[in-house]
Amino acid sequence: MAGIEIDGITKNFGRTEVLRRVDLDIRPGEFMTLVGPSGCGKSTLLRIVAGLEMQSSGSVRIADTAVDGLRPRDRDLAMVFQSYALYPHLTVAENIAVPLRMRQLKGHQRWPLVGRLMPGTGSLESAIAAEVQSVAAMLDIGHLLERKPGQLSGGQRQRVALGRAMVRHPKAFLMDEPLSNLDAKLRVHMRAEIAQLHRRLGTTFIYVTHDQAEAMTMSDRIAVMMDGAVLQVAAPETVYNDPKDIRVAEFIGSPKINVLPATVTPDGALSVTDRTIRLAPAARTGDLVRLAFRPEHAVLAAPDRAALLGRVAHLENLGSDLLVHVLAGEEEHPLVVRSEPGIPRPRIGEIVGIDLADRLPMLFGQDGKRIDVAAMAARETAHG
């Protein structure tokens, strides 16, 4: 396993700036996920690490060695693509063995089995077969080795693509949206398999996805990317509970975080819709800010003693959860609140109160950056 250092990487396609000075330090053996919307630059960054694209400026180091001048095959990285890229005329066993057959004899010592054998044809073929069998057993595809890719399901083809990467014993695995072609049920299953595979191998993984559920469930750390820049790098729970930018807060989490416009009042409180919330933001009187809170961090309450008021617009029954969609204030800002067990089910059109429970809401400035906030009082009061 190897650490990977990305230092000041930029990338321009003509006049279009795709990556804007990206710095990222990926630890040896870490599962790092690059997550963000389509077009944010995450796949381009992965391809630069792999050597498939050349950066406009900056450098990449793998295991403390600069690799900017090295060809992709000399970087000792294995890449798994969205398309699988399997040879249709080869069997599963032959597809997995392709990297071994392409490697020159001077690299044989890196194979666990081949390095101990003489490079004669018979010994080499036996070593390749044993290596393929070992990887296939780990991925539970040993019974598929004589099949062609066209005879496999999507999940099986993905395992074959993983096996072809694993058989090389690379310094790191680079995965670019590997599950995007699978149906929802299989994606859930495969993300668990990939996470388990990472734990068993202990190798560095860099994983690219636009799916925040994949990022949250698989990663040691997440790098959230927007518009060619890394906005935050942290453990999944930290990114969720302590986002440093409103764009991170809105991208991570399902249902999405609730966001309301607010104004700082002369006494340091917040004017939100037609209510006043007693907080002490680190902002000046008259500043326009955005108040944000997760659906599970708010509760329905009696209208006469609640922080916010709204009209129930929709009830979303998910079985384990009841999500209450509320339109708050005269401007009818959409909010979602997760209903607590034991709370009477509200009716469509009913006016309900929303309390922020025991958790302080988040505040963001007009620039999208997080603002420190402290409670002024445990109770919120209405204007007048």
Protein backbone atom coordinates (compact mmCIF):
# COMPACT_ATOMS: atom_id res chain seq x y z
CA MET A 1 0.00 0.00 0.00
CA ALA A 2 1.10 3.55 -0.65
CA GLY A 3 0.18 7.08 0.26
CA ILE A 4 -0.68 9.49 -2.55
CA GLU A 5 0.03 13.22 -2.39
CA ILE A 6 -1.76 15.60 -4.75
CA ASP A 7 -0.09 19.00 -4.63
CA GLY A 8 -1.51 22.10 -6.32
CA ILE A 9 -3.05 20.25 -9.27
CA THR A 10 -4.73 22.42 -11.90
CA LYS A 11 -6.22 21.38 -15.23
CA ASN A 12 -7.42 23.50 -18.12
CA PHE A 13 -9.17 22.31 -21.27
CA GLY A 14 -8.65 25.31 -23.51
CA ARG A 15 -10.08 28.26 -21.59
CA THR A 16 -12.13 26.06 -19.28
CA GLU A 17 -10.65 25.59 -15.80
CA VAL A 18 -11.58 22.06 -14.73
CA LEU A 19 -9.41 21.76 -11.59
CA ARG A 20 -8.46 24.72 -9.40
CA ARG A 21 -5.33 24.06 -7.33
CA VAL A 22 -6.33 20.79 -5.69
CA ASP A 23 -4.34 19.66 -2.65
CA LEU A 24 -5.07 16.24 -1.17
CA ASP A 25 -3.04 13.90 1.03
CA ILE A 26 -4.28 10.29 0.86
CA ARG A 27 -2.89 8.09 3.60
CA PRO A 28 -1.44 4.61 3.00
CA GLY A 29 -4.21 2.01 3.14
CA GLU A 30 -6.96 4.63 3.25
CA PHE A 31 -10.32 4.43 1.46
CA MET A 32 -10.67 7.98 0.11
CA THR A 33 -13.76 8.93 -1.86
CA LEU A 34 -13.95 11.90 -4.24
CA VAL A 35 -17.62 12.85 -4.25
CA GLY A 36 -19.46 15.63 -6.01
CA PRO A 37 -21.94 16.37 -8.78
CA SER A 38 -21.27 15.53 -12.41
CA GLY A 39 -18.72 17.86 -13.97
CA CYS A 40 -17.00 18.87 -10.71
CA GLY A 41 -13.61 17.49 -11.83
CA LYS A 42 -13.39 14.35 -9.71
CA SER A 43 -12.88 11.91 -12.62
CA THR A 44 -10.35 14.24 -14.22
CA LEU A 45 -8.38 14.31 -10.96
CA LEU A 46 -8.43 10.50 -10.79
CA ARG A 47 -7.20 10.24 -14.39
CA ILE A 48 -4.35 12.64 -13.58
CA VAL A 49 -3.30 10.42 -10.67
CA ALA A 50 -3.44 7.41 -13.00
CA GLY A 51 -1.38 9.19 -15.66
CA LEU A 52 -4.19 9.08 -18.24
CA GLU A 53 -4.39 12.90 -18.24
CA MET A 54 -1.59 15.42 -17.83
CA GLN A 55 -2.17 18.22 -15.34
CA SER A 56 -1.64 21.86 -16.31
CA SER A 57 0.37 22.45 -13.13
CA GLY A 58 1.07 20.76 -9.81
CA SER A 59 2.47 17.34 -8.97
CA VAL A 60 1.49 13.82 -7.88
CA ARG A 61 3.59 11.66 -5.56
CA ILE A 62 2.99 7.97 -4.92
CA ALA A 63 4.82 6.37 -2.00
CA ASP A 64 6.94 9.54 -1.68
CA THR A 65 8.03 9.33 -5.33
CA ALA A 66 7.12 11.94 -7.96
CA VAL A 67 5.33 10.21 -10.84
CA ASP A 68 4.52 13.14 -13.12
CA GLY A 69 6.90 11.91 -15.81
CA LEU A 70 5.88 8.25 -15.59
CA ARG A 71 3.60 6.44 -18.02
CA PRO A 72 0.37 4.97 -16.57
CA ARG A 73 1.73 1.41 -16.65
CA ASP A 74 4.82 2.48 -14.69
CA ARG A 75 2.84 4.00 -11.79
CA ASP A 76 1.78 0.58 -10.47
CA LEU A 77 -1.86 1.57 -10.05
CA ALA A 78 -4.93 -0.48 -10.95
CA MET A 79 -7.97 1.32 -12.35
CA VAL A 80 -11.55 0.02 -12.37
CA PHE A 81 -13.83 1.83 -14.81
CA GLN A 82 -17.57 2.33 -15.00
CA SER A 83 -17.68 0.33 -18.25
CA TYR A 84 -15.77 -2.74 -16.86
CA ALA A 85 -13.77 -2.92 -20.16
CA LEU A 86 -13.77 -6.72 -20.34
CA TYR A 87 -12.70 -8.56 -23.50
CA PRO A 88 -15.90 -10.25 -24.79
CA HIS A 89 -14.05 -13.07 -26.60
CA LEU A 90 -12.06 -14.12 -23.50
CA THR A 91 -13.26 -16.22 -20.58
CA VAL A 92 -13.44 -14.81 -17.06
CA ALA A 93 -10.15 -16.55 -16.21
CA GLU A 94 -8.46 -15.13 -19.30
CA ASN A 95 -9.76 -11.62 -18.58
CA ILE A 96 -8.42 -11.71 -15.03
CA ALA A 97 -5.06 -13.01 -16.27
CA VAL A 98 -4.55 -10.24 -18.86
CA PRO A 99 -2.40 -7.99 -16.61
CA LEU A 100 -0.18 -10.93 -15.68
CA ARG A 101 0.43 -11.88 -19.29
CA MET A 102 1.23 -8.27 -20.22
CA ARG A 103 3.71 -7.76 -17.42
CA GLN A 104 7.34 -8.22 -18.38
CA LEU A 105 9.38 -10.96 -16.75
CA LYS A 106 11.33 -8.41 -14.72
CA GLY A 107 8.17 -7.70 -12.76
CA HIS A 108 7.51 -11.31 -11.82
CA GLN A 109 9.04 -10.97 -8.37
CA ARG A 110 6.03 -8.84 -7.33
CA TRP A 111 3.63 -11.73 -7.86
CA PRO A 112 3.28 -13.76 -4.66
CA LEU A 113 3.58 -17.05 -6.58
CA VAL A 114 5.48 -16.27 -9.76
CA GLY A 115 8.45 -14.77 -7.97
CA ARG A 116 9.20 -18.14 -6.40
CA LEU A 117 9.15 -20.05 -9.67
CA MET A 118 11.48 -20.37 -12.62
CA PRO A 119 10.22 -18.38 -15.60
CA GLY A 120 9.77 -21.46 -17.76
CA THR A 121 6.52 -21.69 -19.71
CA GLY A 122 4.99 -24.48 -17.63
CA SER A 123 5.85 -22.89 -14.32
CA LEU A 124 4.64 -19.49 -15.51
CA GLU A 125 1.28 -20.86 -16.69
CA SER A 126 0.81 -22.70 -13.40
CA ALA A 127 1.59 -19.56 -11.44
CA ILE A 128 -0.87 -17.48 -13.48
CA ALA A 129 -3.59 -20.10 -13.04
CA ALA A 130 -2.99 -20.24 -9.29
CA GLU A 131 -3.08 -16.45 -9.00
CA VAL A 132 -6.35 -16.26 -10.96
CA GLN A 133 -7.88 -19.00 -8.81
CA SER A 134 -6.85 -17.18 -5.63
CA VAL A 135 -8.41 -13.88 -6.71
CA ALA A 136 -11.54 -15.60 -8.02
CA ALA A 137 -12.01 -17.37 -4.70
CA MET A 138 -11.72 -14.08 -2.82
CA LEU A 139 -14.42 -12.54 -5.05
CA ASP A 140 -16.61 -15.67 -5.07
CA ILE A 141 -16.47 -16.07 -8.85
CA GLY A 142 -14.50 -19.32 -9.03
CA HIS A 143 -17.50 -21.07 -10.60
CA LEU A 144 -17.59 -18.51 -13.42
CA LEU A 145 -14.02 -18.80 -14.70
CA GLU A 146 -14.92 -20.56 -17.97
CA ARG A 147 -17.77 -18.23 -18.88
CA LYS A 148 -17.60 -15.27 -21.28
CA PRO A 149 -18.58 -11.74 -20.13
CA GLY A 150 -21.80 -11.90 -22.15
CA GLN A 151 -22.98 -14.77 -19.93
CA LEU A 152 -22.58 -12.76 -16.70
CA SER A 153 -24.81 -10.42 -14.74
CA GLY A 154 -23.80 -6.82 -14.09
CA GLY A 155 -22.60 -7.63 -10.60
CA GLN A 156 -20.57 -10.60 -11.83
CA ARG A 157 -18.92 -8.49 -14.54
CA GLN A 158 -18.02 -5.93 -11.89
CA ARG A 159 -16.35 -8.64 -9.78
CA VAL A 160 -14.35 -9.77 -12.81
CA ALA A 161 -13.17 -6.18 -13.38
CA LEU A 162 -12.15 -6.02 -9.71
CA GLY A 163 -10.33 -9.34 -10.05
CA ARG A 164 -8.38 -8.12 -13.06
CA ALA A 165 -7.25 -5.12 -10.99
CA MET A 166 -6.46 -7.19 -7.89
CA VAL A 167 -4.31 -9.76 -9.66
CA ARG A 168 -1.64 -7.11 -10.26
CA HIS A 169 -1.19 -6.43 -6.53
CA PRO A 170 -0.94 -2.67 -7.22
CA LYS A 171 0.15 0.07 -4.85
CA ALA A 172 -3.35 1.54 -5.01
CA PHE A 173 -6.75 0.99 -6.62
CA LEU A 174 -8.44 3.81 -8.53
CA MET A 175 -12.19 3.34 -9.08
CA ASP A 176 -14.21 5.64 -11.33
CA GLU A 177 -17.98 5.32 -10.76
CA PRO A 178 -17.71 1.49 -10.78
CA LEU A 179 -21.30 0.89 -9.62
CA SER A 180 -23.19 3.42 -11.72
CA ASN A 181 -24.35 0.84 -14.30
CA LEU A 182 -25.92 -1.42 -11.66
CA ASP A 183 -29.50 -1.32 -10.40
CA ALA A 184 -30.21 0.17 -6.97
CA LYS A 185 -30.42 -3.14 -5.10
CA LEU A 186 -27.18 -4.46 -6.57
CA ARG A 187 -25.40 -1.16 -5.88
CA VAL A 188 -26.18 -1.50 -2.17
CA HIS A 189 -24.81 -5.06 -2.19
CA MET A 190 -21.68 -4.21 -4.19
CA ARG A 191 -20.71 -1.19 -2.09
CA ALA A 192 -20.67 -3.47 0.95
CA GLU A 193 -18.52 -5.97 -0.97
CA ILE A 194 -16.03 -3.29 -2.06
CA ALA A 195 -15.75 -1.96 1.51
CA GLN A 196 -15.12 -5.50 2.79
CA LEU A 197 -12.56 -6.07 0.03
CA HIS A 198 -10.70 -2.93 1.08
CA ARG A 199 -10.53 -4.14 4.67
CA ARG A 200 -9.18 -7.52 3.56
CA LEU A 201 -6.55 -6.13 1.19
CA GLY A 202 -5.49 -3.12 3.25
CA THR A 203 -4.52 -1.34 0.01
CA THR A 204 -5.07 2.35 -0.72
CA PHE A 205 -8.36 2.98 -2.55
CA ILE A 206 -9.37 6.20 -4.34
CA TYR A 207 -13.03 5.97 -5.27
CA VAL A 208 -14.96 8.44 -7.43
CA THR A 209 -18.74 8.77 -7.22
CA HIS A 210 -21.57 11.28 -7.50
CA ASP A 211 -23.63 9.16 -5.07
CA GLN A 212 -23.30 10.56 -1.55
CA ALA A 213 -24.72 7.31 -0.09
CA GLU A 214 -21.74 5.40 -1.53
CA ALA A 215 -19.35 7.99 -0.12
CA MET A 216 -20.93 7.95 3.34
CA THR A 217 -21.07 4.16 3.71
CA MET A 218 -17.71 3.07 2.26
CA SER A 219 -15.09 5.69 3.04
CA ASP A 220 -12.51 6.39 5.71
CA ARG A 221 -12.58 10.00 4.52
CA ILE A 222 -14.48 11.99 1.91
CA ALA A 223 -13.23 14.81 -0.30
CA VAL A 224 -16.26 16.84 -1.41
CA MET A 225 -15.62 18.53 -4.76
CA MET A 226 -17.52 21.35 -6.46
CA ASP A 227 -16.56 23.40 -9.51
CA GLY A 228 -13.06 21.95 -9.72
CA ALA A 229 -12.14 22.56 -6.07
CA VAL A 230 -12.06 20.46 -2.90
CA LEU A 231 -14.39 22.10 -0.37
CA GLN A 232 -13.90 19.77 2.60
CA VAL A 233 -11.95 16.63 3.49
CA ALA A 234 -13.06 14.71 6.58
CA ALA A 235 -14.60 11.50 7.89
CA PRO A 236 -18.15 10.91 6.60
CA GLU A 237 -19.81 11.69 9.94
CA THR A 238 -17.83 14.94 10.23
CA VAL A 239 -18.82 16.08 6.75
CA TYR A 240 -22.45 15.33 7.59
CA ASN A 241 -22.59 16.89 11.05
CA ASP A 242 -20.06 19.69 10.64
CA PRO A 243 -20.02 20.93 7.03
CA LYS A 244 -17.83 23.98 6.46
CA ASP A 245 -19.65 25.22 3.36
CA ILE A 246 -23.35 25.45 2.50
CA ARG A 247 -22.70 23.55 -0.74
CA VAL A 248 -21.30 20.62 1.24
CA ALA A 249 -24.26 20.73 3.64
CA GLU A 250 -26.76 20.69 0.78
CA PHE A 251 -25.00 17.95 -1.21
CA ILE A 252 -24.46 15.46 1.63
CA GLY A 253 -27.53 13.97 3.29
CA SER A 254 -30.88 12.52 2.25
CA PRO A 255 -33.40 14.04 2.75
CA LYS A 256 -31.54 17.27 2.05
CA ILE A 257 -30.73 19.71 4.80
CA ASN A 258 -33.32 22.43 5.44
CA VAL A 259 -32.11 25.95 4.59
CA LEU A 260 -33.88 29.22 5.45
CA PRO A 261 -32.85 32.82 4.77
CA ALA A 262 -32.40 34.88 7.95
CA THR A 263 -31.34 38.35 9.08
CA VAL A 264 -29.30 39.27 12.16
CA THR A 265 -31.37 41.59 14.40
CA PRO A 266 -29.99 44.49 16.51
CA ASP A 267 -30.09 42.36 19.66
CA GLY A 268 -28.02 39.62 17.99
CA ALA A 269 -30.89 37.23 17.34
CA LEU A 270 -32.10 35.92 13.98
CA SER A 271 -35.22 36.93 12.12
CA VAL A 272 -36.38 33.83 10.24
CA THR A 273 -39.60 33.92 8.18
CA ASP A 274 -42.00 35.62 10.62
CA ARG A 275 -40.24 34.39 13.75
CA THR A 276 -37.28 35.33 15.94
CA ILE A 277 -34.78 32.69 17.00
CA ARG A 278 -32.61 33.57 19.97
CA LEU A 279 -29.10 32.75 18.85
CA ALA A 280 -25.85 34.68 19.00
CA PRO A 281 -24.27 34.44 15.54
CA ALA A 282 -20.80 35.75 14.84
CA ALA A 283 -22.26 38.26 12.38
CA ARG A 284 -23.21 41.92 12.30
CA THR A 285 -26.67 43.47 12.61
CA GLY A 286 -28.43 43.41 9.27
CA ASP A 287 -26.27 40.63 7.82
CA LEU A 288 -28.13 38.21 5.61
CA VAL A 289 -27.35 34.62 6.59
CA ARG A 290 -28.74 31.15 6.00
CA LEU A 291 -29.98 28.96 8.82
CA ALA A 292 -29.73 25.21 8.21
CA PHE A 293 -30.77 22.09 10.09
CA ARG A 294 -31.12 18.40 9.27
CA PRO A 295 -34.64 16.88 9.16
CA GLU A 296 -33.79 14.61 12.12
CA HIS A 297 -32.59 17.58 14.19
CA ALA A 298 -36.04 19.18 14.31
CA VAL A 299 -39.30 18.02 15.90
CA LEU A 300 -42.95 18.90 15.45
CA ALA A 301 -44.30 21.01 18.32
CA ALA A 302 -47.35 23.01 19.35
CA PRO A 303 -47.55 26.18 17.21
CA ASP A 304 -47.76 28.50 20.23
CA ARG A 305 -44.35 27.47 21.58
CA ALA A 306 -42.33 26.56 18.49
CA ALA A 307 -39.34 28.15 16.81
CA LEU A 308 -40.93 28.04 13.36
CA LEU A 309 -44.43 27.70 11.93
CA GLY A 310 -45.56 26.06 8.72
CA ARG A 311 -48.34 24.34 6.85
CA VAL A 312 -48.19 20.60 6.20
CA ALA A 313 -47.98 20.09 2.43
CA HIS A 314 -47.17 16.39 2.14
CA LEU A 315 -46.58 13.26 4.23
CA GLU A 316 -43.93 10.82 3.00
CA ASN A 317 -44.27 7.41 4.63
CA LEU A 318 -41.05 5.41 4.25
CA GLY A 319 -42.09 2.60 6.57
CA SER A 320 -39.42 3.15 9.19
CA ASP A 321 -39.78 6.94 8.97
CA LEU A 322 -42.51 9.50 8.41
CA LEU A 323 -41.21 12.62 6.69
CA VAL A 324 -43.40 15.69 7.10
CA HIS A 325 -43.05 18.26 4.31
CA VAL A 326 -43.87 21.74 5.58
CA LEU A 327 -44.15 25.15 3.89
CA ALA A 328 -42.84 27.72 6.37
CA GLY A 329 -43.73 31.41 6.57
CA GLU A 330 -45.50 33.66 4.09
CA GLU A 331 -42.97 32.78 1.39
CA GLU A 332 -43.66 29.07 1.96
CA HIS A 333 -40.07 27.89 2.26
CA PRO A 334 -40.04 24.07 1.89
CA LEU A 335 -38.84 22.16 4.97
CA VAL A 336 -38.71 18.45 5.84
CA VAL A 337 -39.04 17.18 9.41
CA ARG A 338 -38.68 13.56 10.49
CA SER A 339 -41.67 12.81 12.73
CA GLU A 340 -40.84 11.32 16.14
CA PRO A 341 -42.47 8.00 17.17
CA GLY A 342 -45.53 8.59 19.32
CA ILE A 343 -46.27 12.03 17.85
CA PRO A 344 -49.81 12.23 16.41
CA ARG A 345 -49.76 12.11 12.62
CA PRO A 346 -50.41 15.63 11.28
CA ARG A 347 -53.00 16.32 8.60
CA ILE A 348 -52.39 17.86 5.19
CA GLY A 349 -53.01 21.60 5.47
CA GLU A 350 -52.58 21.67 9.26
CA ILE A 351 -50.49 24.47 10.81
CA VAL A 352 -47.68 22.92 12.83
CA GLY A 353 -44.77 24.19 14.87
CA ILE A 354 -41.16 23.13 14.34
CA ASP A 355 -38.66 23.13 17.18
CA LEU A 356 -34.93 22.66 16.74
CA ALA A 357 -34.79 20.12 19.58
CA ASP A 358 -31.60 20.23 21.65
CA ARG A 359 -29.24 20.80 18.74
CA LEU A 360 -28.06 24.20 17.56
CA PRO A 361 -28.81 24.91 13.90
CA MET A 362 -26.00 25.73 11.50
CA LEU A 363 -25.46 29.20 10.10
CA PHE A 364 -23.81 30.11 6.80
CA GLY A 365 -22.87 33.52 5.47
CA GLN A 366 -23.70 34.94 2.07
CA ASP A 367 -20.37 33.54 0.85
CA GLY A 368 -21.51 30.05 1.85
CA LYS A 369 -18.95 29.68 4.65
CA ARG A 370 -19.92 28.41 8.10
CA ILE A 371 -20.58 31.00 10.85
CA ASP A 372 -20.05 30.26 14.54
CA VAL A 373 -23.25 30.40 16.57
CA ALA A 374 -24.10 30.09 20.28
CA ALA A 375 -27.44 29.81 22.03
CA MET A 376 -28.79 33.01 23.60
CA ALA A 377 -31.59 31.18 25.33
CA ALA A 378 -33.09 27.75 25.41
CA ARG A 379 -36.41 29.12 24.27
CA GLU A 380 -37.32 30.75 20.96
CA THR A 381 -39.96 33.48 20.94
CA ALA A 382 -42.18 35.02 18.32
CA HIS A 383 -42.06 38.67 17.26
CA GLY A 384 -44.03 41.01 19.52
